[in-house]
N, C-alpha and C. Protein backbone atom coordinates (compact mmCIF):
# COMPACT_ATOMS: atom_id res chain seq x y z
N MET A 1 -140.50 14.35 -87.19
CA MET A 1 -140.36 14.71 -85.61
C MET A 1 -140.20 16.21 -85.75
N SER A 2 -139.46 17.07 -86.49
CA SER A 2 -139.48 18.27 -86.54
C SER A 2 -140.87 18.92 -87.17
N LYS A 3 -141.62 18.26 -87.93
CA LYS A 3 -142.67 18.79 -88.33
C LYS A 3 -143.64 18.70 -86.98
N VAL A 4 -143.72 17.66 -86.45
CA VAL A 4 -144.72 17.60 -85.08
C VAL A 4 -144.41 18.76 -84.13
N ASN A 5 -143.02 19.01 -83.99
CA ASN A 5 -142.58 20.10 -83.11
C ASN A 5 -142.90 21.61 -83.80
N GLN A 6 -142.64 21.66 -84.95
CA GLN A 6 -143.19 23.19 -85.70
C GLN A 6 -144.64 23.28 -85.26
N THR A 7 -145.52 22.34 -85.45
CA THR A 7 -146.98 22.59 -85.47
C THR A 7 -147.56 22.56 -83.96
N GLN A 8 -146.62 21.98 -83.11
CA GLN A 8 -147.14 21.93 -81.65
C GLN A 8 -147.57 23.05 -81.24
N GLY A 9 -148.86 23.02 -80.53
CA GLY A 9 -149.36 24.37 -80.00
C GLY A 9 -150.32 24.90 -80.95
N ILE A 10 -150.50 24.71 -82.22
CA ILE A 10 -151.44 25.24 -83.20
C ILE A 10 -152.85 24.65 -82.79
N LEU A 11 -153.59 25.35 -82.82
CA LEU A 11 -155.05 25.18 -82.39
C LEU A 11 -155.80 24.52 -83.76
N THR A 12 -156.91 23.64 -83.41
CA THR A 12 -157.56 23.41 -84.59
C THR A 12 -158.57 24.17 -84.62
N GLU A 13 -159.22 24.08 -85.72
CA GLU A 13 -160.59 25.12 -86.12
C GLU A 13 -161.64 25.35 -84.89
N GLN A 14 -161.77 24.17 -84.49
CA GLN A 14 -162.89 23.98 -83.28
C GLN A 14 -162.16 24.81 -81.95
N GLN A 15 -161.01 24.50 -81.76
CA GLN A 15 -160.42 24.97 -80.73
C GLN A 15 -159.79 26.48 -80.88
N PHE A 16 -159.80 26.94 -81.97
CA PHE A 16 -159.66 28.32 -82.48
C PHE A 16 -161.19 29.06 -82.30
N ASN A 17 -162.18 28.44 -82.69
CA ASN A 17 -163.51 29.37 -82.51
C ASN A 17 -164.00 29.33 -81.04
N ALA A 18 -163.39 28.51 -80.07
CA ALA A 18 -163.61 28.55 -78.66
C ALA A 18 -162.51 29.59 -78.04
N SER A 19 -161.66 29.98 -78.97
CA SER A 19 -160.47 30.85 -78.04
C SER A 19 -160.64 32.11 -78.17
N PRO A 20 -160.14 33.16 -77.46
CA PRO A 20 -160.09 34.46 -77.73
C PRO A 20 -159.40 34.95 -78.95
N PHE A 21 -158.81 34.09 -79.88
CA PHE A 21 -158.17 34.19 -81.01
C PHE A 21 -159.19 34.81 -82.13
N LYS A 22 -160.49 34.19 -81.73
CA LYS A 22 -161.68 34.39 -82.62
C LYS A 22 -161.98 35.96 -83.07
N SER A 23 -162.02 36.46 -81.73
CA SER A 23 -162.16 37.98 -81.81
C SER A 23 -161.25 38.98 -82.49
N VAL A 24 -159.78 38.07 -82.59
CA VAL A 24 -158.87 39.17 -83.25
C VAL A 24 -158.46 39.01 -84.67
N MET A 25 -158.87 37.64 -85.15
CA MET A 25 -158.55 37.39 -86.45
C MET A 25 -159.42 36.08 -86.92
N SER A 26 -159.27 36.04 -88.45
CA SER A 26 -159.75 34.78 -88.94
C SER A 26 -159.04 33.57 -88.60
N TYR A 27 -159.58 32.43 -88.51
CA TYR A 27 -158.87 31.15 -88.73
C TYR A 27 -157.73 30.97 -89.88
N LYS A 28 -158.22 31.35 -90.69
CA LYS A 28 -157.18 31.43 -91.89
C LYS A 28 -156.06 32.19 -91.55
N ASP A 29 -156.24 33.53 -91.06
CA ASP A 29 -154.89 34.32 -90.72
C ASP A 29 -154.21 33.74 -89.62
N TYR A 30 -155.06 33.06 -88.60
CA TYR A 30 -154.09 32.73 -87.43
C TYR A 30 -153.44 31.36 -88.20
N LEU A 31 -153.89 30.53 -88.89
CA LEU A 31 -153.24 29.29 -89.19
C LEU A 31 -151.91 29.88 -90.01
N ASP A 32 -152.08 30.94 -90.99
CA ASP A 32 -150.90 31.02 -91.62
C ASP A 32 -149.81 31.78 -90.78
N LYS A 33 -150.19 32.57 -89.78
CA LYS A 33 -149.33 33.20 -88.98
C LYS A 33 -148.71 32.00 -87.78
N ALA A 34 -149.51 31.30 -87.39
CA ALA A 34 -148.90 30.28 -86.67
C ALA A 34 -148.14 29.27 -87.24
N LEU A 35 -148.43 28.98 -88.43
CA LEU A 35 -147.52 28.01 -89.22
C LEU A 35 -146.15 28.64 -89.36
N LYS A 36 -146.18 29.99 -89.69
CA LYS A 36 -144.62 30.63 -89.78
C LYS A 36 -143.98 30.55 -88.55
N LEU A 37 -144.71 31.00 -87.19
CA LEU A 37 -144.24 31.13 -86.18
C LEU A 37 -144.14 30.00 -85.17
N GLY A 38 -144.79 29.11 -85.53
CA GLY A 38 -144.89 27.84 -84.78
C GLY A 38 -145.23 28.01 -83.40
N SER A 39 -144.92 27.51 -82.36
CA SER A 39 -145.49 27.56 -81.14
C SER A 39 -145.01 29.12 -80.38
N ALA A 40 -144.44 29.95 -80.94
CA ALA A 40 -144.04 31.36 -80.65
C ALA A 40 -145.27 32.11 -80.87
N PHE A 41 -146.15 31.64 -81.71
CA PHE A 41 -147.43 32.63 -81.97
C PHE A 41 -148.39 32.35 -80.69
N THR A 42 -148.69 33.37 -79.93
CA THR A 42 -149.43 33.48 -78.69
C THR A 42 -150.55 34.25 -79.09
N PHE A 43 -151.51 34.25 -78.01
CA PHE A 43 -152.56 35.18 -78.19
C PHE A 43 -152.07 36.85 -77.88
N ALA A 44 -150.99 36.81 -77.27
CA ALA A 44 -150.68 38.26 -77.00
C ALA A 44 -149.86 38.80 -78.31
N HIS A 45 -149.20 37.78 -79.11
CA HIS A 45 -148.67 38.19 -80.43
C HIS A 45 -149.80 38.49 -81.33
N ALA A 46 -150.89 37.76 -81.22
CA ALA A 46 -151.92 37.80 -82.21
C ALA A 46 -152.63 39.26 -81.94
N PHE A 47 -152.87 39.52 -80.70
CA PHE A 47 -153.39 40.87 -80.30
C PHE A 47 -152.48 42.05 -80.52
N ALA A 48 -151.23 41.91 -80.37
CA ALA A 48 -150.32 42.93 -80.89
C ALA A 48 -150.14 43.10 -82.50
N LEU A 49 -150.52 42.10 -83.17
CA LEU A 49 -150.54 42.12 -84.48
C LEU A 49 -151.92 42.81 -85.08
N LYS A 50 -152.92 42.62 -84.48
CA LYS A 50 -154.09 42.97 -84.74
C LYS A 50 -154.26 44.63 -84.18
N ASN A 51 -153.64 44.95 -83.07
CA ASN A 51 -153.50 46.26 -82.81
C ASN A 51 -152.72 47.20 -83.70
N ALA A 52 -151.56 46.40 -84.27
CA ALA A 52 -150.54 47.11 -85.14
C ALA A 52 -151.58 47.32 -86.59
N GLU A 53 -152.32 46.59 -87.11
CA GLU A 53 -153.24 46.45 -88.21
C GLU A 53 -154.22 47.73 -87.95
N ASP A 54 -154.89 47.86 -86.71
CA ASP A 54 -155.63 48.76 -86.46
C ASP A 54 -155.22 50.10 -86.51
N THR A 55 -154.08 50.12 -85.67
CA THR A 55 -153.32 51.48 -85.88
C THR A 55 -152.82 51.88 -87.03
N THR A 56 -152.57 51.16 -87.81
CA THR A 56 -152.05 51.44 -89.49
C THR A 56 -153.56 51.77 -90.18
N GLU A 57 -154.58 51.16 -89.85
CA GLU A 57 -155.78 51.56 -90.68
C GLU A 57 -156.15 52.79 -90.06
N ASN A 58 -155.96 53.30 -88.74
CA ASN A 58 -156.25 54.23 -88.12
C ASN A 58 -155.51 55.65 -88.87
N ILE A 59 -154.37 55.52 -88.71
CA ILE A 59 -153.32 56.40 -89.22
C ILE A 59 -153.81 56.65 -90.59
N ASN A 60 -154.07 55.63 -91.63
CA ASN A 60 -154.22 55.96 -93.00
C ASN A 60 -155.61 56.64 -93.12
N SER A 61 -156.60 56.34 -92.18
CA SER A 61 -157.79 57.02 -92.39
C SER A 61 -157.72 58.21 -92.04
N SER A 62 -156.91 58.83 -90.73
CA SER A 62 -156.77 59.98 -90.41
C SER A 62 -156.12 61.07 -91.43
N VAL A 63 -154.97 60.14 -92.20
CA VAL A 63 -154.21 60.95 -93.06
C VAL A 63 -155.23 61.22 -94.24
N LYS A 64 -155.95 60.32 -94.63
CA LYS A 64 -157.03 60.52 -95.72
C LYS A 64 -157.93 61.58 -95.52
N GLY A 65 -158.40 61.54 -94.25
CA GLY A 65 -159.45 62.56 -93.65
C GLY A 65 -158.94 64.09 -93.64
N TYR A 66 -157.56 64.12 -93.43
CA TYR A 66 -156.84 65.23 -93.36
C TYR A 66 -156.61 66.06 -94.88
N TYR A 67 -156.33 65.16 -95.58
CA TYR A 67 -156.23 65.25 -97.15
C TYR A 67 -157.48 65.89 -97.75
N MET A 68 -158.33 64.96 -97.45
CA MET A 68 -159.83 65.53 -97.88
C MET A 68 -160.35 66.92 -97.35
N GLU A 69 -159.97 66.97 -95.91
CA GLU A 69 -160.25 68.49 -95.43
C GLU A 69 -159.48 69.32 -95.97
N LYS A 70 -158.27 69.30 -96.41
CA LYS A 70 -157.51 70.34 -97.22
C LYS A 70 -157.89 70.54 -98.32
N GLU A 71 -158.30 69.21 -99.01
CA GLU A 71 -158.84 69.70 -100.65
C GLU A 71 -160.23 70.29 -100.31
N ALA A 72 -161.20 70.04 -99.35
CA ALA A 72 -162.25 71.00 -99.36
C ALA A 72 -161.96 72.36 -99.18
N LYS A 73 -160.96 72.69 -98.26
CA LYS A 73 -160.38 74.06 -97.89
C LYS A 73 -160.10 74.70 -99.24
N LYS A 74 -159.44 73.95 -99.92
CA LYS A 74 -158.55 74.57 -101.09
C LYS A 74 -159.74 74.84 -102.03
N ALA A 75 -160.82 73.91 -102.37
CA ALA A 75 -162.02 74.42 -103.22
C ALA A 75 -162.45 75.57 -102.78
N GLU A 76 -162.89 75.89 -101.24
CA GLU A 76 -163.73 76.76 -100.93
C GLU A 76 -162.60 78.15 -101.24
N ALA A 77 -161.19 77.90 -101.13
CA ALA A 77 -160.43 79.30 -101.26
C ALA A 77 -160.46 79.46 -102.67
N GLU A 78 -160.60 78.34 -103.75
CA GLU A 78 -160.73 78.66 -105.18
C GLU A 78 -161.90 79.39 -105.30
N ASP A 79 -162.91 79.02 -104.93
CA ASP A 79 -164.27 79.72 -105.02
C ASP A 79 -164.41 81.08 -104.64
N GLU A 80 -163.73 81.55 -103.49
CA GLU A 80 -163.49 82.80 -103.00
C GLU A 80 -162.77 83.55 -103.85
N TYR A 81 -161.67 83.08 -104.53
CA TYR A 81 -160.75 83.84 -105.31
C TYR A 81 -161.30 84.23 -106.60
N TYR A 82 -162.21 83.24 -107.14
CA TYR A 82 -162.78 83.32 -108.29
C TYR A 82 -164.16 84.53 -108.12
N ALA A 83 -164.51 84.59 -107.06
CA ALA A 83 -165.47 85.63 -106.76
C ALA A 83 -165.04 86.80 -106.51
N ALA A 84 -163.80 86.92 -106.19
CA ALA A 84 -163.17 88.32 -105.72
C ALA A 84 -162.66 88.54 -106.97
N LEU A 85 -162.08 87.87 -108.09
CA LEU A 85 -161.72 88.24 -109.24
C LEU A 85 -163.04 88.66 -110.22
N ALA A 86 -164.01 88.18 -109.88
CA ALA A 86 -165.11 88.64 -110.98
C ALA A 86 -165.59 90.16 -110.50
N GLN A 87 -165.37 90.26 -108.83
CA GLN A 87 -166.02 91.65 -108.33
C GLN A 87 -164.76 92.55 -108.94
N TYR A 88 -163.44 92.43 -108.84
CA TYR A 88 -162.41 92.95 -109.17
C TYR A 88 -162.54 93.59 -110.90
N GLN A 89 -162.79 92.49 -111.86
CA GLN A 89 -162.98 92.82 -113.02
C GLN A 89 -164.29 93.66 -113.21
N ALA A 90 -165.40 93.47 -112.37
CA ALA A 90 -166.71 94.50 -112.65
C ALA A 90 -166.33 95.70 -112.13
N MET A 91 -165.45 95.93 -111.10
CA MET A 91 -165.33 97.10 -110.56
C MET A 91 -163.96 97.87 -111.48
N LYS A 92 -163.40 97.16 -112.29
CA LYS A 92 -162.51 97.73 -113.24
C LYS A 92 -163.30 98.28 -114.57
N SER A 93 -164.43 97.38 -114.92
CA SER A 93 -165.25 97.89 -115.96
C SER A 93 -165.83 99.04 -115.58
N ASP A 94 -166.47 99.09 -114.26
CA ASP A 94 -167.15 100.17 -113.74
C ASP A 94 -166.12 101.56 -113.75
N GLN A 95 -164.98 101.51 -113.35
CA GLN A 95 -164.08 102.58 -113.36
C GLN A 95 -163.95 103.04 -114.74
N LYS A 96 -163.73 102.28 -115.60
CA LYS A 96 -163.66 102.58 -117.03
C LYS A 96 -164.68 103.28 -117.55
N THR A 97 -165.71 103.00 -117.29
CA THR A 97 -167.22 103.48 -117.68
C THR A 97 -167.16 105.08 -116.91
N ALA A 98 -166.68 104.99 -115.58
CA ALA A 98 -166.52 106.33 -115.03
C ALA A 98 -165.57 107.43 -115.72
N ILE A 99 -164.38 106.59 -116.09
CA ILE A 99 -163.65 107.49 -116.69
C ILE A 99 -164.13 108.03 -118.16
N ARG A 100 -164.82 107.44 -118.61
CA ARG A 100 -165.27 107.71 -120.01
C ARG A 100 -166.32 108.69 -119.74
N GLU A 101 -167.27 108.74 -118.85
CA GLU A 101 -168.03 109.59 -118.40
C GLU A 101 -167.73 110.95 -117.96
N LEU A 102 -166.55 111.02 -117.37
CA LEU A 102 -165.61 112.13 -116.86
C LEU A 102 -165.39 112.99 -118.02
N ASN A 103 -164.60 112.06 -119.02
CA ASN A 103 -163.97 112.62 -120.07
C ASN A 103 -164.95 113.37 -120.95
N TYR A 104 -166.13 112.64 -120.87
CA TYR A 104 -167.38 113.20 -121.79
C TYR A 104 -167.71 114.46 -121.04
N ALA A 105 -167.85 114.45 -119.79
CA ALA A 105 -168.26 115.67 -118.94
C ALA A 105 -167.47 116.80 -119.18
N THR A 106 -166.31 116.62 -119.20
CA THR A 106 -165.21 117.60 -119.47
C THR A 106 -165.24 118.07 -120.62
N ASN A 107 -165.32 117.42 -121.67
CA ASN A 107 -165.12 117.75 -123.13
C ASN A 107 -166.44 118.74 -123.40
N ILE A 108 -167.70 117.96 -122.99
CA ILE A 108 -169.01 118.76 -123.59
C ILE A 108 -169.42 119.85 -122.64
N PHE A 109 -169.39 119.61 -121.15
CA PHE A 109 -169.83 120.65 -120.26
C PHE A 109 -168.81 121.53 -119.55
N GLY A 110 -167.43 121.12 -119.67
CA GLY A 110 -166.37 121.87 -118.98
C GLY A 110 -166.17 121.33 -117.45
N GLU A 111 -165.27 121.65 -116.99
CA GLU A 111 -165.05 121.29 -115.59
C GLU A 111 -165.72 122.08 -114.60
N ASN A 112 -166.32 123.30 -114.81
CA ASN A 112 -167.12 123.79 -113.61
C ASN A 112 -168.64 123.55 -113.83
N SER A 113 -169.10 122.41 -114.55
CA SER A 113 -170.51 121.99 -114.67
C SER A 113 -170.78 121.23 -113.72
N THR A 114 -172.23 121.04 -113.27
CA THR A 114 -172.52 120.06 -112.30
C THR A 114 -172.30 118.28 -112.96
N GLN A 115 -172.55 118.52 -114.22
CA GLN A 115 -172.18 117.11 -114.93
C GLN A 115 -170.78 116.48 -114.51
N TYR A 116 -170.19 117.45 -114.79
CA TYR A 116 -168.42 117.02 -114.43
C TYR A 116 -168.42 116.92 -113.17
N SER A 117 -168.91 117.61 -112.17
CA SER A 117 -168.86 117.26 -110.73
C SER A 117 -169.49 115.97 -110.30
N ASP A 118 -170.84 115.61 -110.98
CA ASP A 118 -171.23 114.22 -110.75
C ASP A 118 -170.36 113.24 -111.42
N ALA A 119 -169.95 113.56 -112.51
CA ALA A 119 -168.89 112.34 -113.08
C ALA A 119 -167.47 112.12 -112.27
N LEU A 120 -167.08 113.23 -111.66
CA LEU A 120 -165.98 113.08 -111.07
C LEU A 120 -166.36 112.31 -109.68
N LYS A 121 -167.38 112.53 -108.87
CA LYS A 121 -168.06 112.06 -107.84
C LYS A 121 -167.98 110.28 -108.21
N ARG A 122 -168.66 109.96 -109.36
CA ARG A 122 -168.63 108.65 -109.55
C ARG A 122 -167.31 107.99 -109.79
N TYR A 123 -166.39 108.75 -110.59
CA TYR A 123 -165.12 108.36 -110.81
C TYR A 123 -164.44 108.04 -109.39
N ASN A 124 -164.26 108.76 -108.60
CA ASN A 124 -163.97 108.81 -107.18
C ASN A 124 -164.55 107.53 -106.43
N LEU A 125 -165.86 107.34 -106.55
CA LEU A 125 -166.42 105.99 -105.70
C LEU A 125 -165.81 104.92 -106.63
N SER A 126 -165.90 104.77 -107.74
CA SER A 126 -165.40 103.68 -108.53
C SER A 126 -164.05 103.42 -108.28
N ASP A 127 -163.09 104.39 -108.09
CA ASP A 127 -161.55 104.34 -107.72
C ASP A 127 -161.61 103.56 -106.50
N LYS A 128 -162.46 103.84 -105.35
CA LYS A 128 -162.29 103.56 -104.02
C LYS A 128 -162.82 102.14 -104.17
N SER A 129 -163.89 101.82 -104.90
CA SER A 129 -164.52 100.32 -105.09
C SER A 129 -163.45 99.28 -105.73
N LEU A 130 -162.88 100.02 -106.69
CA LEU A 130 -161.77 99.07 -107.60
C LEU A 130 -160.54 98.93 -106.30
N PHE A 131 -160.22 99.80 -105.81
CA PHE A 131 -159.09 99.77 -104.61
C PHE A 131 -159.39 98.40 -103.53
N ASN A 132 -160.65 98.57 -103.24
CA ASN A 132 -161.23 97.67 -102.32
C ASN A 132 -161.22 96.07 -102.81
N SER A 133 -161.61 96.09 -104.04
CA SER A 133 -162.03 94.68 -104.64
C SER A 133 -160.46 94.23 -104.96
N ASP A 134 -159.40 95.28 -105.40
CA ASP A 134 -158.30 94.84 -105.47
C ASP A 134 -157.62 94.06 -104.35
N VAL A 135 -157.98 94.73 -103.04
CA VAL A 135 -157.29 94.21 -101.86
C VAL A 135 -158.15 92.93 -101.43
N ASN A 136 -159.42 92.76 -101.76
CA ASN A 136 -160.07 91.33 -101.53
C ASN A 136 -159.48 90.49 -102.21
N LEU A 137 -159.27 91.02 -103.70
CA LEU A 137 -158.71 89.85 -104.56
C LEU A 137 -157.19 89.37 -103.93
N SER A 138 -156.33 90.26 -103.45
CA SER A 138 -155.20 89.85 -103.02
C SER A 138 -155.12 88.81 -101.93
N ILE A 139 -156.25 89.29 -100.89
CA ILE A 139 -156.35 88.29 -99.82
C ILE A 139 -156.75 86.95 -100.21
N ALA A 140 -157.81 86.98 -101.32
CA ALA A 140 -158.68 85.62 -101.61
C ALA A 140 -157.25 84.98 -102.46
N ARG A 141 -156.41 85.59 -103.11
CA ARG A 141 -155.02 85.03 -103.86
C ARG A 141 -154.24 84.18 -102.60
N ALA A 142 -154.05 85.08 -101.74
CA ALA A 142 -153.24 84.51 -100.54
C ALA A 142 -153.76 83.46 -99.80
N HIS A 143 -155.07 83.29 -99.73
CA HIS A 143 -155.69 82.27 -98.97
C HIS A 143 -155.49 81.03 -99.97
N PHE A 144 -155.88 81.26 -101.22
CA PHE A 144 -156.05 80.32 -102.16
C PHE A 144 -154.62 79.65 -102.34
N ASN A 145 -153.51 80.39 -102.45
CA ASN A 145 -152.08 79.90 -102.34
C ASN A 145 -151.88 79.13 -101.02
N PHE A 146 -152.19 79.66 -99.81
CA PHE A 146 -151.92 78.80 -98.81
C PHE A 146 -152.83 77.41 -98.53
N ALA A 147 -153.85 77.67 -98.84
CA ALA A 147 -154.84 76.16 -99.02
C ALA A 147 -154.30 75.23 -100.05
N ASN A 148 -153.89 75.96 -101.16
CA ASN A 148 -153.45 75.05 -102.26
C ASN A 148 -151.89 74.56 -101.92
N ASN A 149 -151.07 75.05 -101.19
CA ASN A 149 -149.95 74.52 -100.65
C ASN A 149 -150.13 73.72 -99.39
N SER A 150 -151.30 73.78 -98.63
CA SER A 150 -151.64 72.90 -97.69
C SER A 150 -152.17 71.50 -98.09
N ALA A 151 -152.81 71.78 -99.37
CA ALA A 151 -153.52 70.28 -99.80
C ALA A 151 -152.35 69.85 -100.19
N PHE A 152 -151.36 70.32 -101.12
CA PHE A 152 -150.18 69.51 -101.70
C PHE A 152 -149.40 68.85 -100.79
N LYS A 153 -149.33 69.46 -99.49
CA LYS A 153 -148.60 68.94 -98.50
C LYS A 153 -149.27 67.69 -98.04
N ALA A 154 -150.51 67.80 -97.86
CA ALA A 154 -151.31 66.65 -97.28
C ALA A 154 -151.30 65.37 -98.38
N PHE A 155 -151.44 65.75 -99.70
CA PHE A 155 -151.15 64.84 -100.65
C PHE A 155 -150.02 64.15 -100.61
N LEU A 156 -148.96 64.80 -100.29
CA LEU A 156 -147.67 64.22 -100.15
C LEU A 156 -147.88 63.18 -98.94
N THR A 157 -148.33 63.62 -97.90
CA THR A 157 -148.20 63.01 -96.57
C THR A 157 -149.15 61.62 -96.85
N SER A 158 -150.22 61.75 -97.44
CA SER A 158 -151.25 60.75 -97.77
C SER A 158 -150.25 59.62 -98.78
N ARG A 159 -149.38 60.07 -99.35
CA ARG A 159 -148.60 58.92 -100.30
C ARG A 159 -147.45 58.45 -99.46
N LEU A 160 -147.09 58.91 -98.44
CA LEU A 160 -146.09 58.34 -97.44
C LEU A 160 -146.66 57.31 -96.69
N THR A 161 -147.87 57.34 -96.28
CA THR A 161 -148.41 56.20 -95.28
C THR A 161 -148.85 55.15 -96.23
């Protein structure tokens, strides 16, 4: 008698296919939940369960999308950092060359020569370029550190959901 009461109100597969439950879940899922909850399992309950599952999927999808976006920004910032680093290294090499040329012009031609004046101009220009590339490198490093930190936080968030 308790078995009859427990399953009272549970739909057959034909009744299920004609009911609004079909749009919310499969018959197997319905039967599992209905057997656990008995007559307390209603369409409103099934709809609420489906909405909860959809919400969970949407949250997980949003978090994953957020994480992927942060990873993409991190990769972009990393590329910018390496480009700025390459520029800095090139400017540093250029400055070393300018210093060598300035020393050569000083030793060979003297400080009053046009060669020395040209070498000094080149050195001053390379010094400005090196300073600018150093600033660019610092900015790129800061962007990368921020993007890396954001991506790590997004990774942790994705693990919590």
